[in-house]
Amino acid sequence: MSASESQLKETDFKILELLYSGLSNAGVARQLGIGHRTVQRRVGNIMSQFQVRGRVALGAKAQELGLLGSFCESSSVWRTKGNGASSQPTAWPGE
């Protein structure tokens, strides 16, 4: 586990998975019973820790680190290139 991963709290992992499942910040906040500004702040903190900008890059980094679970590989968000090369995110759900 990298230093960035070890600094994530359980709620941060839940936020990542809920964002990836397609929920907006407000939807994540409702699901977890926290404020939407708290979600915004934590997403920003996670992006800073992973040194990425934007939700697509965050999703790619989280997938690269194996933080999102196996359901990500079958998600419609991850598309293979026409030549069958490795997949990259085309969009983060809700973006």
Protein backbone atom coordinates (compact mmCIF):
# COMPACT_ATOMS: atom_id res chain seq x y z
CA MET A 1 0.00 0.00 0.00
CA SER A 2 1.43 3.38 -1.02
CA ALA A 3 1.70 6.36 1.30
CA SER A 4 -1.24 8.02 -0.47
CA GLU A 5 -3.42 4.96 -0.06
CA SER A 6 -2.57 4.58 3.61
CA GLN A 7 -3.73 8.16 4.25
CA LEU A 8 -7.19 7.45 2.85
CA LYS A 9 -9.95 6.86 5.37
CA GLU A 10 -12.71 4.32 4.99
CA THR A 11 -15.09 7.11 3.99
CA ASP A 12 -12.72 8.15 1.19
CA PHE A 13 -12.86 4.64 -0.28
CA LYS A 14 -16.66 4.72 -0.08
CA ILE A 15 -16.72 8.12 -1.77
CA LEU A 16 -14.54 6.83 -4.62
CA GLU A 17 -16.75 3.82 -5.20
CA LEU A 18 -19.98 5.82 -5.04
CA LEU A 19 -18.63 8.45 -7.43
CA TYR A 20 -17.55 5.71 -9.78
CA SER A 21 -20.98 4.12 -9.59
CA GLY A 22 -22.37 7.31 -11.10
CA LEU A 23 -23.53 9.35 -8.13
CA SER A 24 -22.99 13.09 -8.01
CA ASN A 25 -21.37 14.73 -4.99
CA ALA A 26 -24.86 15.43 -3.65
CA GLY A 27 -25.86 11.79 -4.22
CA VAL A 28 -22.76 10.55 -2.43
CA ALA A 29 -23.49 12.93 0.44
CA ARG A 30 -27.06 11.62 0.76
CA GLN A 31 -25.89 8.01 0.60
CA LEU A 32 -23.27 8.51 3.32
CA GLY A 33 -25.23 10.97 5.45
CA ILE A 34 -22.64 13.73 5.15
CA GLY A 35 -22.73 17.21 3.62
CA HIS A 36 -22.10 17.71 -0.09
CA ARG A 37 -19.37 20.23 0.70
CA THR A 38 -17.68 17.56 2.82
CA VAL A 39 -17.74 15.29 -0.23
CA GLN A 40 -16.32 18.07 -2.42
CA ARG A 41 -13.53 18.72 0.06
CA ARG A 42 -12.65 15.05 0.45
CA VAL A 43 -12.64 14.46 -3.31
CA GLY A 44 -10.30 17.44 -3.66
CA ASN A 45 -8.06 16.03 -0.94
CA ILE A 46 -7.96 12.62 -2.61
CA MET A 47 -7.06 14.25 -5.94
CA SER A 48 -4.25 16.15 -4.21
CA GLN A 49 -2.93 12.99 -2.55
CA PHE A 50 -2.94 11.13 -5.86
CA GLN A 51 -1.59 14.18 -7.71
CA VAL A 52 -4.34 14.12 -10.33
CA ARG A 53 -6.69 16.75 -11.71
CA GLY A 54 -10.27 15.91 -12.57
CA ARG A 55 -12.56 13.00 -11.92
CA VAL A 56 -11.52 11.00 -14.95
CA ALA A 57 -7.89 11.07 -13.84
CA LEU A 58 -9.00 10.23 -10.30
CA GLY A 59 -10.94 7.22 -11.57
CA ALA A 60 -7.99 6.05 -13.64
CA LYS A 61 -5.60 6.40 -10.69
CA ALA A 62 -7.99 4.63 -8.31
CA GLN A 63 -8.38 1.80 -10.83
CA GLU A 64 -4.60 1.63 -11.35
CA LEU A 65 -4.13 1.28 -7.60
CA GLY A 66 -6.86 -1.36 -7.37
CA LEU A 67 -9.03 0.76 -5.08
CA LEU A 68 -12.33 0.36 -6.91
CA GLY A 69 -12.80 -3.38 -6.96
CA SER A 70 -13.38 -5.75 -9.82
CA PHE A 71 -16.72 -4.24 -10.86
CA CYS A 72 -14.78 -1.44 -12.56
CA GLU A 73 -13.49 -3.66 -15.33
CA SER A 74 -17.02 -4.43 -16.48
CA SER A 75 -18.28 -0.86 -16.14
CA SER A 76 -19.39 0.93 -19.29
CA VAL A 77 -17.21 3.84 -18.24
CA TRP A 78 -14.04 1.90 -19.10
CA ARG A 79 -13.91 1.37 -22.82
CA THR A 80 -11.36 -0.52 -24.82
CA LYS A 81 -9.76 1.22 -27.75
CA GLY A 82 -10.74 0.08 -31.21
CA ASN A 83 -7.55 -1.94 -31.48
CA GLY A 84 -8.29 -3.85 -28.24
CA ALA A 85 -5.54 -2.05 -26.33
CA SER A 86 -5.82 -1.41 -22.64
CA SER A 87 -8.82 0.59 -21.53
CA GLN A 88 -8.83 4.18 -20.33
CA PRO A 89 -11.70 6.10 -18.80
CA THR A 90 -13.67 8.19 -21.27
CA ALA A 91 -15.73 9.88 -18.57
CA TRP A 92 -16.48 9.60 -14.91
CA PRO A 93 -20.17 8.87 -14.32
CA GLY A 94 -22.10 11.98 -13.44
CA GLU A 95 -19.55 14.27 -15.08
